[in-house]
Amino acid sequence: MALVELATFHDPMSAGMARARLAAEGIDAILFDQGVAGLGLGMLAPVRLMVDESDRAAAEAVLSRDGGEGR
């Protein structure tokens, strides 16, 4: 399993919603640096949405279809 960064978010809630959209489609995702962004330091260390490399294309399609936020 090789994780890749799919998107970054300065708002932890938006990151969580993106992760939930992926989960609803059966795509596992992990949020990195959520604790730092939750301290109000999101501009310094945004939340990174990570997926398995093999799921990247499908995850990008889900987020673009749903008007996903993030980078």
N, C-alpha and C. Protein backbone atom coordinates (compact mmCIF):
# COMPACT_ATOMS: atom_id res chain seq x y z
N MET A 1 0.85 -1.18 0.00
CA MET A 1 0.00 0.00 0.00
C MET A 1 0.89 1.24 0.00
N ALA A 2 0.72 2.07 -1.00
CA ALA A 2 1.47 3.33 -1.08
C ALA A 2 0.47 4.48 -1.06
N LEU A 3 0.53 5.29 0.00
CA LEU A 3 -0.38 6.43 0.11
C LEU A 3 0.13 7.60 -0.71
N VAL A 4 -0.81 8.31 -1.33
CA VAL A 4 -0.50 9.53 -2.08
C VAL A 4 -1.43 10.64 -1.60
N GLU A 5 -0.96 11.87 -1.68
CA GLU A 5 -1.77 13.01 -1.29
C GLU A 5 -2.75 13.33 -2.41
N LEU A 6 -4.03 13.31 -2.07
CA LEU A 6 -5.07 13.59 -3.04
C LEU A 6 -5.44 15.08 -3.03
N ALA A 7 -5.50 15.67 -1.84
CA ALA A 7 -5.89 17.07 -1.71
C ALA A 7 -5.44 17.59 -0.36
N THR A 8 -5.40 18.91 -0.24
CA THR A 8 -5.12 19.55 1.05
C THR A 8 -6.26 20.50 1.37
N PHE A 9 -6.51 20.65 2.66
CA PHE A 9 -7.61 21.50 3.14
C PHE A 9 -7.11 22.35 4.29
N HIS A 10 -7.55 23.60 4.32
CA HIS A 10 -7.21 24.48 5.44
C HIS A 10 -8.29 24.42 6.52
N ASP A 11 -9.38 23.73 6.22
CA ASP A 11 -10.50 23.59 7.14
C ASP A 11 -10.70 22.10 7.43
N PRO A 12 -10.50 21.69 8.68
CA PRO A 12 -10.64 20.26 9.02
C PRO A 12 -12.03 19.70 8.71
N MET A 13 -13.08 20.52 8.83
CA MET A 13 -14.42 20.02 8.56
C MET A 13 -14.58 19.69 7.07
N SER A 14 -14.06 20.52 6.20
CA SER A 14 -14.12 20.24 4.76
C SER A 14 -13.35 18.96 4.42
N ALA A 15 -12.22 18.77 5.09
CA ALA A 15 -11.43 17.56 4.86
C ALA A 15 -12.23 16.34 5.29
N GLY A 16 -12.90 16.43 6.42
CA GLY A 16 -13.71 15.31 6.90
C GLY A 16 -14.87 14.99 5.98
N MET A 17 -15.47 16.03 5.41
CA MET A 17 -16.57 15.81 4.47
C MET A 17 -16.08 15.14 3.19
N ALA A 18 -14.90 15.54 2.71
CA ALA A 18 -14.33 14.91 1.52
C ALA A 18 -14.03 13.44 1.80
N ARG A 19 -13.47 13.17 2.97
CA ARG A 19 -13.18 11.78 3.35
C ARG A 19 -14.47 10.95 3.41
N ALA A 20 -15.54 11.55 3.95
CA ALA A 20 -16.82 10.85 4.04
C ALA A 20 -17.40 10.56 2.65
N ARG A 21 -17.24 11.50 1.71
CA ARG A 21 -17.72 11.27 0.34
C ARG A 21 -16.99 10.09 -0.29
N LEU A 22 -15.68 10.02 -0.04
CA LEU A 22 -14.91 8.90 -0.57
C LEU A 22 -15.35 7.58 0.07
N ALA A 23 -15.54 7.61 1.38
CA ALA A 23 -15.97 6.40 2.09
C ALA A 23 -17.32 5.90 1.56
N ALA A 24 -18.21 6.82 1.24
CA ALA A 24 -19.53 6.45 0.71
C ALA A 24 -19.40 5.72 -0.63
N GLU A 25 -18.30 5.96 -1.33
CA GLU A 25 -18.04 5.31 -2.62
C GLU A 25 -17.14 4.08 -2.47
N GLY A 26 -16.83 3.72 -1.21
CA GLY A 26 -16.01 2.54 -0.95
C GLY A 26 -14.52 2.78 -1.08
N ILE A 27 -14.10 4.04 -1.01
CA ILE A 27 -12.68 4.38 -1.13
C ILE A 27 -12.16 4.77 0.25
N ASP A 28 -11.17 4.02 0.73
CA ASP A 28 -10.56 4.33 2.01
C ASP A 28 -9.66 5.55 1.87
N ALA A 29 -9.73 6.43 2.85
CA ALA A 29 -8.89 7.63 2.86
C ALA A 29 -8.48 7.92 4.29
N ILE A 30 -7.35 8.57 4.44
CA ILE A 30 -6.80 8.92 5.74
C ILE A 30 -6.52 10.42 5.75
N LEU A 31 -6.79 11.06 6.89
CA LEU A 31 -6.48 12.47 7.03
C LEU A 31 -5.20 12.62 7.86
N PHE A 32 -4.21 13.31 7.31
CA PHE A 32 -2.97 13.60 8.02
C PHE A 32 -2.99 15.06 8.47
N ASP A 33 -2.40 15.32 9.61
CA ASP A 33 -2.22 16.67 10.16
C ASP A 33 -3.53 17.31 10.59
N GLN A 34 -4.55 16.51 10.84
CA GLN A 34 -5.85 17.06 11.24
C GLN A 34 -5.76 17.76 12.59
N GLY A 35 -4.97 17.24 13.50
CA GLY A 35 -4.84 17.85 14.82
C GLY A 35 -4.21 19.22 14.77
N VAL A 36 -3.22 19.41 13.93
CA VAL A 36 -2.55 20.70 13.81
C VAL A 36 -3.51 21.74 13.23
N ALA A 37 -4.22 21.37 12.18
CA ALA A 37 -5.16 22.29 11.56
C ALA A 37 -6.30 22.63 12.52
N GLY A 38 -6.69 21.67 13.36
CA GLY A 38 -7.74 21.90 14.33
C GLY A 38 -7.37 22.91 15.40
N LEU A 39 -6.09 23.18 15.56
CA LEU A 39 -5.63 24.17 16.51
C LEU A 39 -5.68 25.58 15.93
N GLY A 40 -6.21 25.71 14.73
CA GLY A 40 -6.26 27.01 14.08
C GLY A 40 -5.00 27.31 13.30
N LEU A 41 -4.19 26.29 13.06
CA LEU A 41 -2.93 26.47 12.34
C LEU A 41 -3.00 25.89 10.93
N GLY A 42 -4.22 25.82 10.39
CA GLY A 42 -4.43 25.21 9.09
C GLY A 42 -3.62 25.84 7.97
N MET A 43 -3.34 27.12 8.07
CA MET A 43 -2.55 27.76 7.02
C MET A 43 -1.10 27.29 7.08
N LEU A 44 -0.63 26.93 8.26
CA LEU A 44 0.75 26.46 8.41
C LEU A 44 0.87 24.97 8.08
N ALA A 45 -0.12 24.21 8.47
CA ALA A 45 -0.09 22.77 8.23
C ALA A 45 -1.49 22.30 7.84
N PRO A 46 -1.84 22.42 6.57
CA PRO A 46 -3.18 22.01 6.16
C PRO A 46 -3.39 20.51 6.34
N VAL A 47 -4.65 20.12 6.41
CA VAL A 47 -5.02 18.71 6.49
C VAL A 47 -4.79 18.09 5.12
N ARG A 48 -4.10 16.96 5.11
CA ARG A 48 -3.82 16.26 3.85
C ARG A 48 -4.72 15.03 3.75
N LEU A 49 -5.43 14.93 2.65
CA LEU A 49 -6.29 13.79 2.37
C LEU A 49 -5.48 12.79 1.56
N MET A 50 -5.26 11.62 2.13
CA MET A 50 -4.40 10.60 1.53
C MET A 50 -5.23 9.39 1.12
N VAL A 51 -4.90 8.83 -0.04
CA VAL A 51 -5.54 7.60 -0.51
C VAL A 51 -4.46 6.66 -1.03
N ASP A 52 -4.84 5.40 -1.16
CA ASP A 52 -3.93 4.45 -1.77
C ASP A 52 -3.72 4.84 -3.23
N GLU A 53 -2.52 4.68 -3.69
CA GLU A 53 -2.17 5.07 -5.05
C GLU A 53 -3.10 4.43 -6.08
N SER A 54 -3.51 3.20 -5.84
CA SER A 54 -4.39 2.50 -6.78
C SER A 54 -5.80 3.09 -6.82
N ASP A 55 -6.18 3.86 -5.79
CA ASP A 55 -7.51 4.47 -5.72
C ASP A 55 -7.52 5.92 -6.18
N ARG A 56 -6.36 6.45 -6.52
CA ARG A 56 -6.25 7.88 -6.80
C ARG A 56 -7.21 8.37 -7.89
N ALA A 57 -7.23 7.72 -9.03
CA ALA A 57 -8.08 8.17 -10.14
C ALA A 57 -9.56 8.15 -9.76
N ALA A 58 -9.99 7.08 -9.11
CA ALA A 58 -11.40 7.00 -8.70
C ALA A 58 -11.73 8.07 -7.67
N ALA A 59 -10.81 8.31 -6.73
CA ALA A 59 -11.03 9.32 -5.70
C ALA A 59 -11.09 10.72 -6.30
N GLU A 60 -10.21 11.00 -7.25
CA GLU A 60 -10.24 12.30 -7.93
C GLU A 60 -11.57 12.49 -8.65
N ALA A 61 -12.07 11.43 -9.28
CA ALA A 61 -13.35 11.51 -9.98
C ALA A 61 -14.49 11.81 -9.01
N VAL A 62 -14.49 11.17 -7.85
CA VAL A 62 -15.55 11.40 -6.86
C VAL A 62 -15.51 12.84 -6.39
N LEU A 63 -14.34 13.33 -6.03
CA LEU A 63 -14.26 14.70 -5.51
C LEU A 63 -14.59 15.74 -6.58
N SER A 64 -14.18 15.51 -7.81
CA SER A 64 -14.49 16.48 -8.87
C SER A 64 -15.98 16.45 -9.21
N ARG A 65 -16.57 15.27 -9.20
CA ARG A 65 -17.99 15.12 -9.47
C ARG A 65 -18.83 15.81 -8.40
N ASP A 66 -18.39 15.70 -7.16
CA ASP A 66 -19.15 16.26 -6.04
C ASP A 66 -18.76 17.70 -5.76
N GLY A 67 -17.99 18.32 -6.66
CA GLY A 67 -17.57 19.70 -6.43
C GLY A 67 -16.62 19.81 -5.27
N GLY A 68 -15.73 18.82 -5.13
CA GLY A 68 -14.82 18.75 -4.00
C GLY A 68 -14.00 19.99 -3.80
N GLU A 69 -13.76 20.29 -2.55
CA GLU A 69 -12.89 21.41 -2.19
C GLU A 69 -11.48 20.90 -2.03
N GLY A 70 -10.62 21.79 -1.65
CA GLY A 70 -9.22 21.40 -1.45
C GLY A 70 -8.38 21.82 -2.63
N ARG A 71 -7.15 21.42 -2.63
CA ARG A 71 -6.21 21.80 -3.68
C ARG A 71 -6.63 21.21 -4.99
